[in-house]
Amino acid sequence: MLTAENQVIVVSQPLNDNTNILKEEEVIAALEATINAPYEAYVDEVITDPLIEKLPTPGAIKSTSKNEAMGTTEFVLSNGVKVILKTTDFKADEISVTAFRKGGKQAYSKDQAADVLLMPLAVELSKLGKFDINTMKKYLAGKTVSLGYAVNNYTDVLEGGSSVKDFGTLMEVIYAYFTELNPDETTYQAQVEQYKPLLANQDQLPNMIFSRQRAKTTYGDNPLMGIQDLAVFEKANYSNMLSMAKKSLENAADYIFIFVGNVDEATLRPMLEQYIATLPSAGKASDYKVVTNIDPVKGKVEDKFDVPMQTPGTTVFNLYTGDNLEWNVKNSIMIDLMGDVLDMVFTETLREDEGGTYGASVSAFYNFSNNIWQLMYAYQTAEDKLERLEARADKELEDLLNNGAKADHFNKVKEAAIKQYEINSKTNSYWEGAIMSAERGANTHAGYIEALQSLTLDEFNKFLKNVYDGKNLIEVIMVGKQAAE
């Protein structure tokens, strides 16, 4: 198939002091050595061993109740674990699961930041039982099963799903995460060594520089809210990460399990008794405390810096926050719509009138975890247009807050939100999120569509006039300068 003639070899390498530029004879020798090496036919390993060698005696379901408003069934198991089931027919062959507990980044100290940021990767590359990641891929070949571990800002989460026929395998994997998470530092280190050269190059890219600086400025140089750059990979310790992950999974009663999709109570009950009621548990949730504040900084902060670029461009990020609103569905809706309206305004002004950017990315939301609302926008422009666009953006936002939204903008975003709700509410992921939010103290579903449909322009504009007190604003601006040849 491959001959010594008619070949073109292209080598791409970064040009810097740390790179050994390959010579032609080195590349040719490597290719010839590869082609001429002896090879044996690949023999695929057939996995016949079970993931869980011996299952314990099943536990029991202590109580069952109905939540009519959410259309769910709730179980309390003999080991203290709470389980919520919502049976749907949105997708005929989908079962989704989320298991979450109070925790997240705020439960760790700043000196643990690197380990926290890479903990999900460490878990992914560890063994389940005696199966490493490659063996697990073979074990799951031909099956529709997925499960992943994440450390979010305020929660630790296991999230995944399966097809209907592979639901039993999904439950096995869940059980193994809690009981059979075992070290495989060799696989982890091998993966990290592959990442490091890529990260070393990415560290110098303008997008990476901006992301790192934006996180640093927004959260007051809190490393828990940083990004996964080369420095994080070099500092993280695999043993620490695995130990932290195992500790987060040692008490199943900390977690609430949510099952949504094409699974009924009769099917779920024996699965719960075998795989969830037998998980290690203290019988009740552990005490929880916040170790590190992970909120955005308060006050007015501006961070403007220059970066040399081959093709200069300027990036602007503004974040407005406030803690002056109580949580309720209507306030959450109006914060969302504020972002949607401003997005339309910026399209008409910054893009079309000024011609200074291809478009601004705008979003707003109420974070019920810390009772802080956020409005943020970002756009890219040229340095010579920066001052004009900043002034126009400030003017348009101030006009929106003081004078209110135009009727056509309000009607469009409200109609779009209603349509989006109609689509979202017929998906399993929507209900997973809604149930999880309700369990965390903020029912984002109850009364949502009624509040949205009844919202008037006058009510919305009165809200806008009082929402921002002018106290908290973070501005991060990266100005591209022509790099030296």
Protein backbone atom coordinates (compact mmCIF):
# COMPACT_ATOMS: atom_id res chain seq x y z
CA MET A 1 0.00 0.00 0.00
CA LEU A 2 2.82 2.41 0.88
CA THR A 3 5.80 2.67 -1.46
CA ALA A 4 9.04 4.62 -1.22
CA GLU A 5 8.04 6.83 -4.14
CA ASN A 6 5.47 9.59 -4.50
CA GLN A 7 5.24 10.57 -0.85
CA VAL A 8 4.85 14.00 0.67
CA ILE A 9 5.61 14.48 4.36
CA VAL A 10 4.44 17.69 6.03
CA VAL A 11 5.80 18.60 9.45
CA SER A 12 4.28 21.43 11.50
CA GLN A 13 6.17 22.65 14.57
CA PRO A 14 6.06 25.77 16.73
CA LEU A 15 8.99 28.07 16.10
CA ASN A 16 10.48 28.95 19.48
CA ASP A 17 13.61 28.42 21.57
CA ASN A 18 12.25 25.24 23.17
CA THR A 19 11.57 23.35 19.93
CA ASN A 20 14.07 21.05 18.24
CA ILE A 21 13.31 21.45 14.55
CA LEU A 22 13.23 18.01 12.93
CA LYS A 23 15.65 17.31 10.10
CA GLU A 24 14.57 15.68 6.86
CA GLU A 25 16.63 12.55 7.46
CA GLU A 26 15.10 12.11 10.94
CA VAL A 27 11.58 12.18 9.57
CA ILE A 28 12.36 9.76 6.74
CA ALA A 29 14.13 7.38 9.12
CA ALA A 30 11.17 7.40 11.50
CA LEU A 31 8.76 6.65 8.67
CA GLU A 32 10.89 3.82 7.28
CA ALA A 33 11.33 2.30 10.74
CA THR A 34 7.57 2.33 11.22
CA ILE A 35 6.80 0.76 7.84
CA ASN A 36 9.51 -1.91 8.13
CA ALA A 37 8.85 -2.92 11.73
CA PRO A 38 7.43 -6.45 12.35
CA TYR A 39 3.79 -6.51 13.36
CA GLU A 40 1.48 -9.15 14.75
CA ALA A 41 -2.20 -9.30 13.97
CA TYR A 42 -4.33 -7.47 16.54
CA VAL A 43 -6.25 -9.75 18.85
CA ASP A 44 -9.17 -8.06 20.56
CA GLU A 45 -9.65 -8.83 24.22
CA VAL A 46 -13.03 -10.32 24.99
CA ILE A 47 -14.43 -9.13 28.31
CA THR A 48 -16.15 -11.98 30.12
CA ASP A 49 -15.61 -10.91 33.73
CA PRO A 50 -18.43 -9.03 35.44
CA LEU A 51 -17.96 -5.40 36.45
CA ILE A 52 -19.18 -6.21 39.95
CA GLU A 53 -17.88 -9.57 41.06
CA LYS A 54 -20.34 -10.08 43.91
CA LEU A 55 -23.46 -8.04 44.54
CA PRO A 56 -24.59 -7.54 48.16
CA THR A 57 -27.93 -8.63 49.54
CA PRO A 58 -30.55 -6.14 48.28
CA GLY A 59 -31.69 -3.33 50.52
CA ALA A 60 -35.24 -2.07 50.81
CA ILE A 61 -37.53 0.83 49.97
CA LYS A 62 -38.74 2.27 53.26
CA SER A 63 -41.37 4.68 51.92
CA THR A 64 -42.97 5.86 48.69
CA SER A 65 -44.81 9.14 48.05
CA LYS A 66 -46.17 11.17 45.15
CA ASN A 67 -45.45 14.77 44.19
CA GLU A 68 -48.47 15.62 42.06
CA ALA A 69 -47.22 19.10 41.11
CA MET A 70 -44.03 17.72 39.54
CA GLY A 71 -45.54 14.42 38.44
CA THR A 72 -42.91 12.44 40.32
CA THR A 73 -42.65 9.48 42.65
CA GLU A 74 -40.28 9.77 45.60
CA PHE A 75 -38.62 6.88 47.41
CA VAL A 76 -36.65 6.78 50.65
CA LEU A 77 -34.36 3.75 50.81
CA SER A 78 -33.15 1.71 53.78
CA ASN A 79 -29.72 3.41 53.67
CA GLY A 80 -31.27 6.90 53.83
CA VAL A 81 -30.91 7.73 50.13
CA LYS A 82 -33.70 9.73 48.49
CA VAL A 83 -34.67 8.83 44.91
CA ILE A 84 -37.04 10.71 42.59
CA LEU A 85 -38.62 9.16 39.50
CA LYS A 86 -40.36 10.95 36.66
CA THR A 87 -41.62 8.61 33.97
CA THR A 88 -41.89 10.25 30.52
CA ASP A 89 -42.48 9.26 26.92
CA PHE A 90 -40.50 12.11 25.34
CA LYS A 91 -37.96 9.63 23.96
CA ALA A 92 -38.82 5.96 23.64
CA ASP A 93 -35.29 4.75 24.33
CA GLU A 94 -33.84 7.20 26.85
CA ILE A 95 -33.37 7.01 30.60
CA SER A 96 -31.45 9.85 32.24
CA VAL A 97 -29.98 9.92 35.74
CA THR A 98 -28.57 12.69 37.91
CA ALA A 99 -27.23 12.13 41.42
CA PHE A 100 -26.16 15.27 43.24
CA ARG A 101 -25.13 16.48 46.66
CA LYS A 102 -24.28 19.79 48.28
CA GLY A 103 -20.61 20.46 47.69
CA GLY A 104 -18.87 21.80 44.63
CA LYS A 105 -15.91 24.14 44.45
CA GLN A 106 -17.01 26.22 47.43
CA ALA A 107 -16.49 23.20 49.70
CA TYR A 108 -12.72 23.25 49.07
CA SER A 109 -9.87 25.58 49.99
CA LYS A 110 -7.96 27.66 47.47
CA ASP A 111 -4.80 25.57 47.87
CA GLN A 112 -6.79 22.56 46.58
CA ALA A 113 -7.83 24.38 43.41
CA ALA A 114 -5.70 22.47 40.89
CA ASP A 115 -6.91 19.14 42.28
CA VAL A 116 -10.54 20.32 42.26
CA LEU A 117 -10.36 21.52 38.64
CA LEU A 118 -8.91 18.22 37.39
CA MET A 119 -10.75 15.84 39.72
CA PRO A 120 -13.34 14.86 37.06
CA LEU A 121 -10.51 13.91 34.68
CA ALA A 122 -8.81 11.87 37.39
CA VAL A 123 -12.08 10.01 38.06
CA GLU A 124 -12.66 9.40 34.35
CA LEU A 125 -9.19 7.83 33.97
CA SER A 126 -9.37 5.72 37.14
CA LYS A 127 -10.48 2.12 37.30
CA LEU A 128 -13.95 0.87 38.11
CA GLY A 129 -13.32 -2.38 39.95
CA LYS A 130 -10.46 -3.98 38.05
CA PHE A 131 -11.46 -2.43 34.70
CA ASP A 132 -9.33 0.43 33.42
CA ILE A 133 -10.80 2.98 31.02
CA ASN A 134 -9.97 0.92 27.92
CA THR A 135 -11.43 -2.25 29.41
CA MET A 136 -14.56 -0.31 30.37
CA LYS A 137 -14.95 0.85 26.77
CA LYS A 138 -14.86 -2.78 25.65
CA TYR A 139 -17.25 -3.81 28.44
CA LEU A 140 -19.71 -1.17 27.26
CA ALA A 141 -19.22 -1.84 23.54
CA GLY A 142 -22.59 -2.22 21.84
CA LYS A 143 -24.37 -0.70 24.83
CA THR A 144 -25.79 2.79 25.25
CA VAL A 145 -24.52 3.74 28.68
CA SER A 146 -22.75 6.84 29.94
CA LEU A 147 -21.91 8.26 33.35
CA GLY A 148 -19.63 11.11 34.35
CA TYR A 149 -18.52 12.82 37.55
CA ALA A 150 -18.35 16.60 37.91
CA VAL A 151 -17.48 19.17 40.57
CA ASN A 152 -19.71 22.16 39.84
CA ASN A 153 -19.68 25.44 41.74
CA TYR A 154 -22.21 24.34 44.37
CA THR A 155 -22.76 20.62 43.80
CA ASP A 156 -20.96 17.35 43.15
CA VAL A 157 -22.77 15.44 40.42
CA LEU A 158 -22.93 12.05 38.75
CA GLU A 159 -24.80 12.42 35.47
CA GLY A 160 -25.51 10.07 32.60
CA GLY A 161 -28.06 7.77 31.06
CA SER A 162 -28.79 4.67 29.05
CA SER A 163 -31.13 3.01 26.63
CA VAL A 164 -34.00 1.01 28.06
CA LYS A 165 -32.35 -2.36 27.51
CA ASP A 166 -29.04 -1.24 29.03
CA PHE A 167 -30.55 0.28 32.18
CA GLY A 168 -29.22 -2.56 34.30
CA THR A 169 -25.68 -1.87 33.12
CA LEU A 170 -26.10 1.82 33.97
CA MET A 171 -27.06 0.84 37.52
CA GLU A 172 -23.98 -1.39 37.73
CA VAL A 173 -21.77 1.53 36.72
CA ILE A 174 -23.41 3.81 39.30
CA TYR A 175 -22.78 1.20 41.98
CA ALA A 176 -19.15 0.86 40.88
CA TYR A 177 -18.52 4.63 41.11
CA PHE A 178 -19.53 4.60 44.77
CA THR A 179 -17.88 1.31 45.74
CA GLU A 180 -15.11 0.39 43.28
CA LEU A 181 -13.31 3.59 42.22
CA ASN A 182 -9.68 2.44 42.12
CA PRO A 183 -6.37 4.08 41.21
CA ASP A 184 -4.79 4.00 37.77
CA GLU A 185 -2.10 6.66 37.94
CA THR A 186 -0.26 5.22 34.94
CA THR A 187 -3.19 5.93 32.63
CA TYR A 188 -3.73 9.37 34.15
CA GLN A 189 -0.08 10.41 33.79
CA ALA A 190 0.06 9.12 30.21
CA GLN A 191 -2.97 11.23 29.30
CA VAL A 192 -1.54 14.31 31.04
CA GLU A 193 1.75 13.97 29.16
CA GLN A 194 -0.23 14.08 25.91
CA TYR A 195 -2.09 17.20 27.03
CA LYS A 196 0.94 19.20 28.20
CA PRO A 197 2.46 20.10 24.78
CA LEU A 198 -0.98 21.20 23.55
CA LEU A 199 -1.58 23.28 26.64
CA ALA A 200 1.88 24.86 26.41
CA ASN A 201 0.98 26.16 22.95
CA GLN A 202 -2.58 27.14 23.92
CA ASP A 203 -1.29 29.19 26.86
CA GLN A 204 0.02 31.75 24.37
CA LEU A 205 -3.19 31.99 22.32
CA PRO A 206 -5.15 35.25 22.77
CA ASN A 207 -8.39 33.41 23.59
CA MET A 208 -6.68 31.46 26.37
CA ILE A 209 -4.96 34.58 27.72
CA PHE A 210 -8.28 36.41 27.79
CA SER A 211 -10.18 33.53 29.42
CA ARG A 212 -7.56 33.21 32.14
CA GLN A 213 -7.49 36.95 32.84
CA ARG A 214 -11.27 37.27 32.81
CA ALA A 215 -11.61 34.50 35.40
CA LYS A 216 -8.85 36.03 37.52
CA THR A 217 -10.43 39.49 37.49
CA THR A 218 -14.04 38.35 37.91
CA TYR A 219 -13.35 36.17 40.94
CA GLY A 220 -10.57 38.15 42.61
CA ASP A 221 -7.79 35.75 41.59
CA ASN A 222 -9.63 32.82 43.20
CA PRO A 223 -7.88 29.74 41.71
CA LEU A 224 -10.98 27.58 42.28
CA MET A 225 -12.69 29.60 39.54
CA GLY A 226 -9.71 29.46 37.18
CA ILE A 227 -9.31 27.55 33.95
CA GLN A 228 -7.56 24.28 33.16
CA ASP A 229 -4.25 25.57 31.85
CA LEU A 230 -0.77 24.08 31.89
CA ALA A 231 -0.02 25.38 35.39
CA VAL A 232 -3.06 23.51 36.75
CA PHE A 233 -1.99 20.24 35.09
CA GLU A 234 1.52 20.56 36.49
CA LYS A 235 0.31 21.26 40.02
CA ALA A 236 -2.52 18.72 40.33
CA ASN A 237 -1.76 15.54 42.26
CA TYR A 238 -3.48 12.33 41.16
CA SER A 239 -3.46 10.65 44.59
CA ASN A 240 -5.01 13.72 46.18
CA MET A 241 -7.69 13.92 43.51
CA LEU A 242 -8.68 10.28 43.78
CA SER A 243 -8.80 10.53 47.57
CA MET A 244 -11.00 13.65 47.37
CA ALA A 245 -13.33 11.99 44.86
CA LYS A 246 -13.69 8.82 46.94
CA LYS A 247 -14.43 10.92 50.02
CA SER A 248 -17.15 12.79 48.12
CA LEU A 249 -18.75 9.43 47.27
CA GLU A 250 -18.35 7.68 50.62
CA ASN A 251 -21.82 8.58 51.96
CA ALA A 252 -24.58 7.85 49.45
CA ALA A 253 -27.12 9.54 51.75
CA ASP A 254 -25.53 12.86 50.77
CA TYR A 255 -26.94 12.36 47.28
CA ILE A 256 -30.40 12.67 45.79
CA PHE A 257 -30.91 10.45 42.76
CA ILE A 258 -33.18 11.62 39.93
CA PHE A 259 -34.34 9.22 37.20
CA VAL A 260 -36.22 10.65 34.22
CA GLY A 261 -37.35 8.92 31.05
CA ASN A 262 -38.85 5.69 29.82
CA VAL A 263 -38.65 3.76 33.08
CA ASP A 264 -41.63 2.96 35.30
CA GLU A 265 -41.86 2.31 39.00
CA ALA A 266 -42.18 -1.47 38.61
CA THR A 267 -38.90 -1.61 36.69
CA LEU A 268 -37.06 0.83 38.94
CA ARG A 269 -37.94 -0.59 42.36
CA PRO A 270 -35.84 -3.82 42.20
CA MET A 271 -32.97 -1.85 40.65
CA LEU A 272 -33.05 0.62 43.55
CA GLU A 273 -33.11 -2.20 46.09
CA GLN A 274 -30.12 -3.94 44.50
CA TYR A 275 -27.87 -1.07 43.41
CA ILE A 276 -28.78 2.11 45.34
CA ALA A 277 -30.10 0.86 48.68
CA THR A 278 -26.86 -1.14 49.10
CA LEU A 279 -24.48 1.78 48.62
CA PRO A 280 -22.28 2.73 51.57
CA SER A 281 -24.09 5.25 53.71
CA ALA A 282 -24.13 6.97 57.09
CA GLY A 283 -27.92 6.83 57.00
CA LYS A 284 -28.23 10.61 56.78
CA ALA A 285 -26.60 13.49 54.92
CA SER A 286 -23.23 14.73 56.15
CA ASP A 287 -22.77 18.16 57.67
CA TYR A 288 -21.91 20.68 54.99
CA LYS A 289 -20.11 23.99 55.19
CA VAL A 290 -18.83 26.59 52.76
CA VAL A 291 -15.02 26.78 52.86
CA THR A 292 -14.34 29.36 50.12
CA ASN A 293 -16.49 32.16 48.72
CA ILE A 294 -16.69 31.77 44.94
CA ASP A 295 -18.90 34.78 44.13
CA PRO A 296 -17.78 37.48 41.67
CA VAL A 297 -15.95 40.39 43.30
CA LYS A 298 -18.00 43.40 44.34
CA GLY A 299 -17.47 47.03 43.42
CA LYS A 300 -16.27 48.52 40.16
CA VAL A 301 -13.21 46.82 38.65
CA GLU A 302 -11.54 47.52 35.31
CA ASP A 303 -8.79 45.34 33.89
CA LYS A 304 -7.40 46.56 30.56
CA PHE A 305 -4.28 44.98 29.13
CA ASP A 306 -2.37 44.65 25.85
CA VAL A 307 -1.44 41.39 24.11
CA PRO A 308 0.81 41.07 21.02
CA MET A 309 -1.00 39.31 18.16
CA GLN A 310 -0.29 38.41 14.56
CA THR A 311 -3.79 39.66 13.69
CA PRO A 312 -4.70 42.23 16.34
CA GLY A 313 -8.21 42.31 17.76
CA THR A 314 -9.80 43.71 20.89
CA THR A 315 -12.13 41.75 23.19
CA VAL A 316 -14.49 43.37 25.69
CA PHE A 317 -16.28 41.67 28.60
CA ASN A 318 -18.64 43.44 31.02
CA LEU A 319 -20.34 41.84 34.02
CA TYR A 320 -23.05 43.57 36.10
CA THR A 321 -24.21 41.89 39.32
CA GLY A 322 -26.56 42.53 42.21
CA ASP A 323 -27.83 40.84 45.36
CA ASN A 324 -30.86 43.11 45.76
CA LEU A 325 -33.49 40.65 44.46
CA GLU A 326 -35.19 37.83 46.31
CA TRP A 327 -35.57 34.54 44.52
CA ASN A 328 -38.89 33.91 42.80
CA VAL A 329 -39.88 32.66 39.37
CA LYS A 330 -41.00 36.07 38.07
CA ASN A 331 -37.75 37.79 39.06
CA SER A 332 -35.81 35.00 37.39
CA ILE A 333 -37.88 35.39 34.21
CA MET A 334 -37.38 39.16 34.09
CA ILE A 335 -33.62 38.83 34.55
CA ASP A 336 -33.51 36.35 31.65
CA LEU A 337 -35.58 38.66 29.43
CA MET A 338 -33.38 41.62 30.32
CA GLY A 339 -30.46 39.79 28.71
CA ASP A 340 -32.55 38.80 25.68
CA VAL A 341 -33.71 42.38 25.07
CA LEU A 342 -30.20 43.81 25.45
CA ASP A 343 -28.96 41.22 22.95
CA MET A 344 -31.47 42.55 20.39
CA VAL A 345 -30.51 46.15 21.19
CA PHE A 346 -26.81 45.46 20.73
CA THR A 347 -27.45 43.71 17.40
CA GLU A 348 -29.23 46.80 16.13
CA THR A 349 -26.73 49.31 17.55
CA LEU A 350 -23.22 47.90 18.01
CA ARG A 351 -23.41 45.72 14.93
CA GLU A 352 -25.75 47.41 12.48
CA ASP A 353 -25.54 51.10 13.40
CA GLU A 354 -21.89 51.27 14.42
CA GLY A 355 -20.54 48.42 12.32
CA GLY A 356 -18.02 47.86 15.07
CA THR A 357 -18.50 44.16 15.77
CA TYR A 358 -19.94 41.03 14.18
CA GLY A 359 -22.18 40.76 17.21
CA ALA A 360 -22.29 40.91 20.98
CA SER A 361 -22.95 37.84 23.10
CA VAL A 362 -25.38 38.77 25.90
CA SER A 363 -26.85 36.69 28.71
CA ALA A 364 -28.46 37.25 32.09
CA PHE A 365 -29.64 34.89 34.83
CA TYR A 366 -30.54 34.69 38.50
CA ASN A 367 -28.27 32.35 40.46
CA PHE A 368 -30.41 31.01 43.28
CA SER A 369 -27.36 29.30 44.81
CA ASN A 370 -26.03 32.65 46.03
CA ASN A 371 -29.01 34.94 45.31
CA ILE A 372 -26.96 37.03 42.89
CA TRP A 373 -28.23 38.05 39.47
CA GLN A 374 -25.78 38.57 36.61
CA LEU A 375 -25.90 40.41 33.30
CA MET A 376 -22.90 39.91 31.05
CA TYR A 377 -21.95 40.76 27.52
CA ALA A 378 -18.87 40.35 25.36
CA TYR A 379 -17.89 41.43 21.89
CA GLN A 380 -14.84 41.72 19.66
CA THR A 381 -13.83 44.83 17.78
CA ALA A 382 -10.84 46.80 16.52
CA GLU A 383 -8.81 49.04 18.82
CA ASP A 384 -9.70 52.20 16.88
CA LYS A 385 -13.42 51.44 17.39
CA LEU A 386 -13.18 50.49 21.06
CA GLU A 387 -13.90 53.85 22.64
CA ARG A 388 -16.93 54.49 20.44
CA LEU A 389 -18.40 51.02 21.01
CA GLU A 390 -17.86 51.18 24.78
CA ALA A 391 -19.69 54.51 24.92
CA ARG A 392 -22.54 53.20 22.74
CA ALA A 393 -22.88 50.01 24.81
CA ASP A 394 -23.01 52.02 28.04
CA LYS A 395 -25.59 54.38 26.55
CA GLU A 396 -27.85 51.61 25.28
CA LEU A 397 -27.80 49.71 28.58
CA GLU A 398 -28.46 52.88 30.55
CA ASP A 399 -31.33 53.77 28.24
CA LEU A 400 -32.83 50.28 28.62
CA LEU A 401 -32.67 50.44 32.41
CA ASN A 402 -33.97 54.00 32.73
CA ASN A 403 -36.52 54.20 29.91
CA GLY A 404 -37.51 50.56 29.53
CA ALA A 405 -37.72 48.14 26.64
CA LYS A 406 -39.48 48.87 23.38
CA ALA A 407 -42.76 47.03 22.92
CA ASP A 408 -41.59 45.13 19.84
CA HIS A 409 -38.42 43.93 21.60
CA PHE A 410 -40.37 42.85 24.69
CA ASN A 411 -43.02 41.02 22.66
CA LYS A 412 -40.41 39.17 20.59
CA VAL A 413 -38.36 37.93 23.52
CA LYS A 414 -41.46 36.99 25.50
CA GLU A 415 -42.89 35.02 22.59
CA ALA A 416 -39.52 33.31 22.03
CA ALA A 417 -39.33 32.39 25.73
CA ILE A 418 -42.81 30.85 25.63
CA LYS A 419 -41.93 28.80 22.56
CA GLN A 420 -38.66 27.70 24.11
CA TYR A 421 -40.48 26.56 27.24
CA GLU A 422 -42.88 24.52 25.13
CA ILE A 423 -39.90 22.77 23.52
CA ASN A 424 -37.84 22.35 26.70
CA SER A 425 -40.68 21.02 28.84
CA LYS A 426 -40.94 18.02 26.53
CA THR A 427 -37.36 16.90 27.15
CA ASN A 428 -35.93 14.70 29.89
CA SER A 429 -33.04 17.12 30.50
CA TYR A 430 -35.48 19.93 31.34
CA TRP A 431 -37.17 17.84 34.01
CA GLU A 432 -33.87 16.65 35.45
CA GLY A 433 -32.86 20.28 35.90
CA ALA A 434 -36.25 21.37 37.23
CA ILE A 435 -36.39 18.57 39.80
CA MET A 436 -32.81 19.21 40.88
CA SER A 437 -33.49 22.94 41.30
CA ALA A 438 -36.63 22.23 43.32
CA GLU A 439 -34.69 19.91 45.61
CA ARG A 440 -32.13 22.66 46.11
CA GLY A 441 -34.83 25.11 47.19
CA ALA A 442 -35.75 26.93 43.98
CA ASN A 443 -38.65 25.45 42.05
CA THR A 444 -37.99 26.84 38.58
CA HIS A 445 -40.96 24.99 37.06
CA ALA A 446 -43.93 25.72 39.31
CA GLY A 447 -45.77 28.78 38.03
CA TYR A 448 -43.16 29.52 35.36
CA ILE A 449 -45.31 29.55 32.25
CA GLU A 450 -48.16 31.37 34.04
CA ALA A 451 -45.75 34.07 35.25
CA LEU A 452 -44.21 34.42 31.80
CA GLN A 453 -47.53 34.64 29.97
CA SER A 454 -48.94 37.20 32.41
CA LEU A 455 -45.86 39.47 32.39
CA THR A 456 -46.62 42.91 30.93
CA LEU A 457 -44.36 45.52 29.39
CA ASP A 458 -45.15 48.00 32.16
CA GLU A 459 -44.27 45.50 34.85
CA PHE A 460 -41.04 44.58 33.07
CA ASN A 461 -39.99 48.21 32.61
CA LYS A 462 -40.64 49.05 36.27
CA PHE A 463 -38.44 46.10 37.15
CA LEU A 464 -35.64 47.35 34.86
CA LYS A 465 -35.69 50.79 36.46
CA ASN A 466 -34.90 49.34 39.90
CA VAL A 467 -32.81 46.26 39.19
CA TYR A 468 -29.30 47.72 38.97
CA ASP A 469 -27.99 49.98 41.71
CA GLY A 470 -24.75 50.86 39.91
CA LYS A 471 -22.51 49.29 42.53
CA ASN A 472 -21.01 46.20 40.88
CA LEU A 473 -19.38 46.24 37.45
CA ILE A 474 -16.42 44.19 36.20
CA GLU A 475 -14.82 45.22 32.90
CA VAL A 476 -12.12 43.16 31.22
CA ILE A 477 -10.64 44.48 27.97
CA MET A 478 -7.87 42.78 25.98
CA VAL A 479 -6.34 45.06 23.35
CA GLY A 480 -4.46 43.34 20.55
CA LYS A 481 -1.21 44.95 19.45
CA GLN A 482 0.72 44.05 16.30
CA ALA A 483 3.31 41.44 17.19
CA ALA A 484 6.89 41.97 16.08
CA GLU A 485 7.89 40.02 13.00
